[in-house]
Amino acid sequence: MELPKFLLGDNTDHLDAIFVIHTEYPRFLINLVDDEIEWWESFERTDEEELAVEVAALIEEASAFYDDEMKAYKEE
């Protein structure tokens, strides 16, 4: 099965959260309400600078994905 790059996540224990799951490397879960990220990867210290730049872009992509999904739901 081929997974989409982003998935929406929902949990009734966290009603105020907006979870987006990034399924490609580096895999993570982000709560768009507070930008808290839970990484599912381990990183080397040498990767930190490159990762910081990549993370900023991935957060923007996750936010854009969420906005597009919400537009699609409203149009239905």
N, C-alpha and C. Protein backbone atom coordinates (compact mmCIF):
# COMPACT_ATOMS: atom_id res chain seq x y z
N MET A 1 0.85 -1.17 0.00
CA MET A 1 0.00 0.00 0.00
C MET A 1 0.90 1.24 0.00
N GLU A 2 0.54 2.19 -0.81
CA GLU A 2 1.27 3.45 -0.84
C GLU A 2 0.52 4.47 0.01
N LEU A 3 1.19 4.99 1.02
CA LEU A 3 0.56 5.97 1.91
C LEU A 3 0.68 7.37 1.33
N PRO A 4 -0.32 8.20 1.58
CA PRO A 4 -0.17 9.62 1.21
C PRO A 4 0.88 10.26 2.10
N LYS A 5 1.44 11.36 1.64
CA LYS A 5 2.49 12.05 2.39
C LYS A 5 1.98 12.56 3.73
N PHE A 6 0.75 13.06 3.78
CA PHE A 6 0.15 13.57 5.00
C PHE A 6 -1.20 12.89 5.26
N LEU A 7 -1.52 12.71 6.54
CA LEU A 7 -2.81 12.20 6.97
C LEU A 7 -3.32 13.09 8.10
N LEU A 8 -4.63 13.24 8.20
CA LEU A 8 -5.23 13.93 9.34
C LEU A 8 -5.43 12.92 10.45
N GLY A 9 -5.21 13.36 11.69
CA GLY A 9 -5.41 12.50 12.84
C GLY A 9 -6.42 13.13 13.78
N ASP A 10 -7.25 12.31 14.40
CA ASP A 10 -8.28 12.81 15.30
C ASP A 10 -8.27 11.94 16.55
N ASN A 11 -8.51 12.56 17.70
CA ASN A 11 -8.55 11.82 18.95
C ASN A 11 -9.47 12.54 19.91
N THR A 12 -10.47 11.83 20.41
CA THR A 12 -11.45 12.46 21.30
C THR A 12 -10.87 12.85 22.65
N ASP A 13 -9.71 12.33 23.00
CA ASP A 13 -9.04 12.76 24.23
C ASP A 13 -8.36 14.11 24.08
N HIS A 14 -8.24 14.57 22.86
CA HIS A 14 -7.56 15.84 22.55
C HIS A 14 -8.44 16.65 21.60
N LEU A 15 -9.57 17.10 22.08
CA LEU A 15 -10.56 17.75 21.21
C LEU A 15 -10.07 19.05 20.60
N ASP A 16 -9.16 19.75 21.26
CA ASP A 16 -8.67 21.02 20.73
C ASP A 16 -7.48 20.86 19.80
N ALA A 17 -7.00 19.66 19.62
CA ALA A 17 -5.81 19.41 18.81
C ALA A 17 -6.18 19.22 17.34
N ILE A 18 -5.26 19.60 16.47
CA ILE A 18 -5.38 19.36 15.03
C ILE A 18 -4.11 18.61 14.63
N PHE A 19 -4.22 17.29 14.51
CA PHE A 19 -3.06 16.46 14.23
C PHE A 19 -2.91 16.22 12.73
N VAL A 20 -1.68 16.37 12.25
CA VAL A 20 -1.32 15.99 10.89
C VAL A 20 -0.13 15.04 11.02
N ILE A 21 -0.21 13.92 10.32
CA ILE A 21 0.83 12.90 10.37
C ILE A 21 1.60 12.94 9.05
N HIS A 22 2.91 13.07 9.16
CA HIS A 22 3.79 13.05 7.99
C HIS A 22 4.34 11.63 7.89
N THR A 23 4.06 10.93 6.79
CA THR A 23 4.36 9.51 6.68
C THR A 23 5.70 9.21 6.01
N GLU A 24 6.35 10.21 5.46
CA GLU A 24 7.64 10.01 4.80
C GLU A 24 8.76 10.45 5.74
N TYR A 25 9.99 10.07 5.41
CA TYR A 25 11.12 10.48 6.25
C TYR A 25 11.32 11.98 6.17
N PRO A 26 11.48 12.65 7.25
CA PRO A 26 11.43 12.19 8.63
C PRO A 26 9.98 12.13 9.11
N ARG A 27 9.55 10.98 9.60
CA ARG A 27 8.17 10.77 10.02
C ARG A 27 7.90 11.49 11.34
N PHE A 28 6.72 12.12 11.41
CA PHE A 28 6.36 12.83 12.63
C PHE A 28 4.86 13.07 12.70
N LEU A 29 4.42 13.46 13.87
CA LEU A 29 3.06 13.90 14.13
C LEU A 29 3.17 15.33 14.62
N ILE A 30 2.37 16.24 14.05
CA ILE A 30 2.39 17.63 14.49
C ILE A 30 0.98 18.03 14.92
N ASN A 31 0.93 18.76 16.00
CA ASN A 31 -0.32 19.37 16.44
C ASN A 31 -0.28 20.81 15.92
N LEU A 32 -1.10 21.13 14.94
CA LEU A 32 -1.06 22.45 14.31
C LEU A 32 -1.53 23.57 15.23
N VAL A 33 -2.18 23.23 16.32
CA VAL A 33 -2.63 24.26 17.26
C VAL A 33 -1.44 24.92 17.94
N ASP A 34 -0.44 24.12 18.32
CA ASP A 34 0.71 24.68 19.03
C ASP A 34 2.06 24.34 18.37
N ASP A 35 2.03 23.72 17.20
CA ASP A 35 3.22 23.30 16.45
C ASP A 35 4.11 22.32 17.21
N GLU A 36 3.55 21.63 18.19
CA GLU A 36 4.32 20.61 18.90
C GLU A 36 4.49 19.41 17.98
N ILE A 37 5.71 18.89 17.91
CA ILE A 37 6.04 17.79 17.00
C ILE A 37 6.51 16.59 17.82
N GLU A 38 6.00 15.42 17.45
CA GLU A 38 6.47 14.16 17.99
C GLU A 38 7.17 13.42 16.86
N TRP A 39 8.48 13.25 16.98
CA TRP A 39 9.27 12.59 15.94
C TRP A 39 9.22 11.09 16.10
N TRP A 40 9.17 10.38 14.98
CA TRP A 40 9.24 8.93 14.98
C TRP A 40 10.55 8.45 14.38
N GLU A 41 11.53 9.32 14.39
CA GLU A 41 12.85 9.02 13.87
C GLU A 41 13.88 9.41 14.92
N SER A 42 15.06 8.83 14.81
CA SER A 42 16.21 9.25 15.62
C SER A 42 17.15 10.02 14.71
N PHE A 43 17.74 11.08 15.26
CA PHE A 43 18.62 11.91 14.45
C PHE A 43 19.99 12.02 15.09
N GLU A 44 20.99 12.16 14.23
CA GLU A 44 22.35 12.41 14.68
C GLU A 44 22.52 13.90 14.92
N ARG A 45 23.42 14.26 15.79
CA ARG A 45 23.71 15.68 16.05
C ARG A 45 24.10 16.42 14.78
N THR A 46 24.77 15.74 13.88
CA THR A 46 25.22 16.39 12.64
C THR A 46 24.06 16.73 11.70
N ASP A 47 22.91 16.13 11.93
CA ASP A 47 21.74 16.36 11.08
C ASP A 47 20.92 17.58 11.52
N GLU A 48 21.22 18.15 12.68
CA GLU A 48 20.35 19.17 13.27
C GLU A 48 20.17 20.41 12.41
N GLU A 49 21.23 20.93 11.81
CA GLU A 49 21.11 22.15 11.00
C GLU A 49 20.25 21.91 9.78
N GLU A 50 20.53 20.83 9.08
CA GLU A 50 19.75 20.50 7.89
C GLU A 50 18.29 20.23 8.27
N LEU A 51 18.10 19.55 9.37
CA LEU A 51 16.76 19.23 9.84
C LEU A 51 15.96 20.48 10.19
N ALA A 52 16.59 21.47 10.78
CA ALA A 52 15.89 22.70 11.16
C ALA A 52 15.28 23.38 9.95
N VAL A 53 16.01 23.43 8.85
CA VAL A 53 15.50 24.03 7.62
C VAL A 53 14.37 23.19 7.05
N GLU A 54 14.57 21.88 7.04
CA GLU A 54 13.56 20.98 6.49
C GLU A 54 12.27 21.01 7.32
N VAL A 55 12.41 21.11 8.63
CA VAL A 55 11.23 21.12 9.51
C VAL A 55 10.36 22.33 9.23
N ALA A 56 10.96 23.49 9.05
CA ALA A 56 10.19 24.69 8.76
C ALA A 56 9.35 24.49 7.49
N ALA A 57 9.94 23.92 6.47
CA ALA A 57 9.22 23.67 5.22
C ALA A 57 8.12 22.62 5.42
N LEU A 58 8.40 21.58 6.21
CA LEU A 58 7.40 20.54 6.44
C LEU A 58 6.22 21.05 7.25
N ILE A 59 6.47 21.95 8.20
CA ILE A 59 5.37 22.54 8.96
C ILE A 59 4.47 23.36 8.04
N GLU A 60 5.07 24.11 7.14
CA GLU A 60 4.28 24.86 6.16
C GLU A 60 3.47 23.92 5.27
N GLU A 61 4.09 22.83 4.82
CA GLU A 61 3.38 21.85 3.99
C GLU A 61 2.23 21.21 4.75
N ALA A 62 2.46 20.87 6.02
CA ALA A 62 1.41 20.25 6.83
C ALA A 62 0.24 21.22 7.02
N SER A 63 0.55 22.48 7.24
CA SER A 63 -0.50 23.50 7.40
C SER A 63 -1.29 23.67 6.11
N ALA A 64 -0.59 23.72 4.99
CA ALA A 64 -1.25 23.85 3.69
C ALA A 64 -2.13 22.63 3.40
N PHE A 65 -1.63 21.43 3.73
CA PHE A 65 -2.41 20.21 3.56
C PHE A 65 -3.70 20.30 4.37
N TYR A 66 -3.60 20.72 5.62
CA TYR A 66 -4.78 20.84 6.48
C TYR A 66 -5.78 21.85 5.89
N ASP A 67 -5.28 23.00 5.47
CA ASP A 67 -6.16 24.02 4.88
C ASP A 67 -6.88 23.49 3.65
N ASP A 68 -6.16 22.77 2.78
CA ASP A 68 -6.77 22.19 1.58
C ASP A 68 -7.83 21.15 1.94
N GLU A 69 -7.54 20.32 2.95
CA GLU A 69 -8.51 19.32 3.38
C GLU A 69 -9.78 19.98 3.92
N MET A 70 -9.62 21.04 4.69
CA MET A 70 -10.78 21.72 5.26
C MET A 70 -11.61 22.38 4.16
N LYS A 71 -10.97 22.92 3.15
CA LYS A 71 -11.70 23.50 2.01
C LYS A 71 -12.51 22.41 1.30
N ALA A 72 -11.90 21.23 1.14
CA ALA A 72 -12.59 20.12 0.47
C ALA A 72 -13.81 19.68 1.29
N TYR A 73 -13.69 19.63 2.61
CA TYR A 73 -14.83 19.24 3.45
C TYR A 73 -15.96 20.26 3.35
N LYS A 74 -15.61 21.54 3.30
CA LYS A 74 -16.62 22.60 3.24
C LYS A 74 -17.36 22.58 1.90
N GLU A 75 -16.66 22.17 0.84
CA GLU A 75 -17.26 22.15 -0.49
C GLU A 75 -18.23 20.98 -0.65
N GLU A 76 -18.11 19.96 0.16
CA GLU A 76 -18.98 18.77 0.03
C GLU A 76 -20.38 19.05 0.43
